[in-house]
Amino acid sequence: MDSSYQVVTLTGAAIYIIALGVRQKTIFNYTLKTDGATVEYYLHYPDFASSFFKGIAIFVMLVFGFVAVLTGSLLFLVGPVAMAFIAAIKLLNWENPVHHRQTAPWHLHEFVTVDHRRLMVIIHCDDITTGFAARFPSKALMDKYLAFLREVLPANAEYIEKATNWYQG
């Protein structure tokens, strides 16, 4: 009975960790200005992620240090253990990176692609394959953004409504 409990616990933990990696959310923060727009985006981690990673790093370093002292062999700390120490030090200094993108000035944009299904608006300059994508949590917010774009973009800007396969990386 005890081993089946361990198997179920380990399976549940593995599914949880895999789900965290597969269902990773990205947070987008947009800023609209008179000369253009900026977006900062970053992966969402739980509040405890930084402490959790640092705890793992400290635990790994303590275990390897304890084994080296227990065996009396400092040669134990050479090789793969040294690489593990380097990885642990990187985990100690872990911070969630924030990425930034900025649009060209508003007057340079000639096309706007609107994807109602994905709640996305992509503004393009002269090349329709590149642009600045904005994602929205609601249709009302997307409509407000489109109204704002109609004010700041040139009058000859072409609005295209279609489904997109847009990826901003």
Protein backbone atom coordinates (compact mmCIF):
# COMPACT_ATOMS: atom_id res chain seq x y z
CA MET A 1 0.00 0.00 0.00
CA ASP A 2 2.87 2.36 0.83
CA SER A 3 4.55 1.99 -2.57
CA SER A 4 1.31 2.63 -4.48
CA TYR A 5 0.86 5.85 -2.48
CA GLN A 6 4.37 6.95 -3.48
CA VAL A 7 3.71 6.15 -7.14
CA VAL A 8 0.47 8.16 -7.11
CA THR A 9 2.18 11.08 -5.35
CA LEU A 10 5.13 11.13 -7.76
CA THR A 11 2.80 10.83 -10.76
CA GLY A 12 0.69 13.73 -9.51
CA ALA A 13 3.79 15.86 -8.91
CA ALA A 14 5.11 15.05 -12.40
CA ILE A 15 1.79 15.96 -14.03
CA TYR A 16 1.71 19.24 -12.09
CA ILE A 17 5.25 20.19 -13.15
CA ILE A 18 4.60 19.25 -16.78
CA ALA A 19 1.34 21.25 -16.76
CA LEU A 20 3.22 24.29 -15.43
CA GLY A 21 5.65 24.09 -18.34
CA VAL A 22 3.09 23.35 -21.04
CA ARG A 23 0.45 25.86 -19.91
CA GLN A 24 2.92 28.71 -19.34
CA LYS A 25 1.19 32.10 -19.54
CA THR A 26 2.72 35.27 -20.89
CA ILE A 27 1.78 38.61 -19.32
CA PHE A 28 1.53 41.60 -21.70
CA ASN A 29 1.58 45.25 -20.52
CA TYR A 30 0.85 47.81 -23.25
CA THR A 31 1.55 51.55 -23.12
CA LEU A 32 -0.01 53.83 -25.73
CA LYS A 33 1.59 57.24 -26.31
CA THR A 34 1.19 60.05 -28.79
CA ASP A 35 4.23 58.91 -30.79
CA GLY A 36 3.77 55.12 -30.69
CA ALA A 37 3.12 52.12 -28.48
CA THR A 38 5.31 49.88 -26.34
CA VAL A 39 4.73 46.46 -24.88
CA GLU A 40 6.59 44.64 -22.14
CA TYR A 41 5.98 40.94 -21.82
CA TYR A 42 7.25 38.18 -19.57
CA LEU A 43 6.44 34.63 -18.58
CA HIS A 44 4.13 34.27 -15.61
CA TYR A 45 5.58 32.34 -12.68
CA PRO A 46 3.92 31.84 -9.30
CA ASP A 47 4.95 34.27 -6.55
CA PHE A 48 6.97 31.55 -4.83
CA ALA A 49 9.02 30.63 -7.94
CA SER A 50 12.06 32.77 -7.10
CA SER A 51 12.25 31.46 -3.52
CA PHE A 52 11.63 27.91 -4.75
CA PHE A 53 14.48 28.06 -7.28
CA LYS A 54 16.84 29.58 -4.71
CA GLY A 55 15.86 26.89 -2.20
CA ILE A 56 16.65 24.16 -4.73
CA ALA A 57 20.03 25.77 -5.46
CA ILE A 58 20.97 26.05 -1.78
CA PHE A 59 19.83 22.46 -1.14
CA VAL A 60 21.95 21.11 -4.02
CA MET A 61 25.03 23.04 -2.89
CA LEU A 62 24.60 21.86 0.73
CA VAL A 63 24.16 18.21 -0.31
CA PHE A 64 27.30 18.24 -2.47
CA GLY A 65 29.26 20.08 0.22
CA PHE A 66 28.07 17.61 2.88
CA VAL A 67 29.03 14.60 0.73
CA ALA A 68 32.49 16.12 0.10
CA VAL A 69 33.05 16.63 3.84
CA LEU A 70 31.59 13.22 4.73
CA THR A 71 33.82 11.36 2.26
CA GLY A 72 36.82 13.56 3.02
CA SER A 73 37.45 13.97 -0.67
CA LEU A 74 37.68 17.40 -2.19
CA LEU A 75 38.17 15.70 -5.56
CA PHE A 76 34.45 14.93 -5.32
CA LEU A 77 33.85 18.62 -6.05
CA VAL A 78 35.65 18.41 -9.43
CA GLY A 79 33.88 17.46 -12.65
CA PRO A 80 30.11 17.04 -12.84
CA VAL A 81 29.69 18.41 -9.32
CA ALA A 82 31.43 21.62 -10.37
CA MET A 83 28.94 21.94 -13.22
CA ALA A 84 26.09 21.35 -10.77
CA PHE A 85 27.50 24.14 -8.56
CA ILE A 86 27.55 26.50 -11.55
CA ALA A 87 23.92 25.61 -12.36
CA ALA A 88 22.98 26.13 -8.70
CA ILE A 89 24.65 29.55 -8.67
CA LYS A 90 22.68 30.48 -11.82
CA LEU A 91 19.49 29.45 -10.02
CA LEU A 92 20.48 31.62 -7.05
CA ASN A 93 20.66 34.64 -9.37
CA TRP A 94 17.46 33.76 -11.29
CA GLU A 95 15.19 36.62 -12.32
CA ASN A 96 12.25 36.55 -14.68
CA PRO A 97 13.40 38.45 -17.81
CA VAL A 98 11.13 41.22 -19.11
CA HIS A 99 11.14 41.81 -22.88
CA HIS A 100 10.27 45.14 -24.55
CA ARG A 101 9.02 46.02 -28.05
CA GLN A 102 8.16 49.40 -29.51
CA THR A 103 6.21 50.44 -32.58
CA ALA A 104 7.31 52.80 -35.27
CA PRO A 105 5.69 56.26 -35.09
CA TRP A 106 1.95 56.16 -35.77
CA HIS A 107 2.13 58.05 -39.07
CA LEU A 108 4.25 55.28 -40.67
CA HIS A 109 1.61 52.55 -40.29
CA GLU A 110 -0.35 51.69 -43.43
CA PHE A 111 -2.20 48.46 -42.54
CA VAL A 112 -4.16 47.13 -39.56
CA THR A 113 -5.06 43.45 -39.30
CA VAL A 114 -7.95 42.66 -36.95
CA ASP A 115 -8.45 39.09 -35.71
CA HIS A 116 -11.76 38.96 -33.83
CA ARG A 117 -11.45 35.26 -32.96
CA ARG A 118 -8.10 35.68 -31.18
CA LEU A 119 -8.86 39.23 -29.98
CA MET A 120 -5.74 40.58 -31.70
CA VAL A 121 -4.94 43.77 -33.58
CA ILE A 122 -1.72 43.94 -35.59
CA ILE A 123 -0.49 47.23 -37.02
CA HIS A 124 1.90 47.12 -40.00
CA CYS A 125 4.06 49.72 -41.71
CA ASP A 126 4.74 48.86 -45.36
CA ASP A 127 5.26 45.09 -45.01
CA ILE A 128 2.14 43.16 -44.02
CA THR A 129 4.22 40.19 -42.79
CA THR A 130 5.75 42.17 -39.92
CA GLY A 131 4.06 44.36 -37.36
CA PHE A 132 3.16 45.14 -33.78
CA ALA A 133 0.63 42.69 -32.31
CA ALA A 134 -1.67 43.64 -29.45
CA ARG A 135 -3.69 40.97 -27.62
CA PHE A 136 -6.79 41.76 -25.57
CA PRO A 137 -8.67 39.99 -22.78
CA SER A 138 -12.07 41.30 -23.97
CA LYS A 139 -13.79 42.51 -27.13
CA ALA A 140 -14.69 45.83 -25.46
CA LEU A 141 -11.03 46.65 -24.82
CA MET A 142 -10.11 45.67 -28.37
CA ASP A 143 -12.83 47.99 -29.72
CA LYS A 144 -11.44 50.86 -27.61
CA TYR A 145 -7.98 50.22 -29.07
CA LEU A 146 -9.37 50.19 -32.61
CA ALA A 147 -11.15 53.51 -31.96
CA PHE A 148 -7.84 54.93 -30.69
CA LEU A 149 -6.03 53.67 -33.80
CA ARG A 150 -8.60 55.33 -36.08
CA GLU A 151 -7.67 58.64 -34.39
CA VAL A 152 -3.86 58.36 -34.51
CA LEU A 153 -3.18 56.41 -37.71
CA PRO A 154 -3.19 58.08 -41.14
CA ALA A 155 -6.58 58.35 -42.83
CA ASN A 156 -5.43 56.08 -45.68
CA ALA A 157 -4.58 53.17 -43.34
CA GLU A 158 -6.20 49.97 -44.61
CA TYR A 159 -8.10 47.81 -42.08
CA ILE A 160 -8.16 44.07 -42.86
CA GLU A 161 -10.32 41.63 -40.88
CA LYS A 162 -8.99 38.07 -41.02
CA ALA A 163 -7.78 35.19 -38.86
CA THR A 164 -4.03 35.25 -38.29
CA ASN A 165 -1.32 32.84 -37.24
CA TRP A 166 0.67 35.57 -35.56
CA TYR A 167 3.54 34.82 -33.18
CA GLN A 168 5.40 37.56 -31.35
CA GLY A 169 8.71 36.26 -30.06
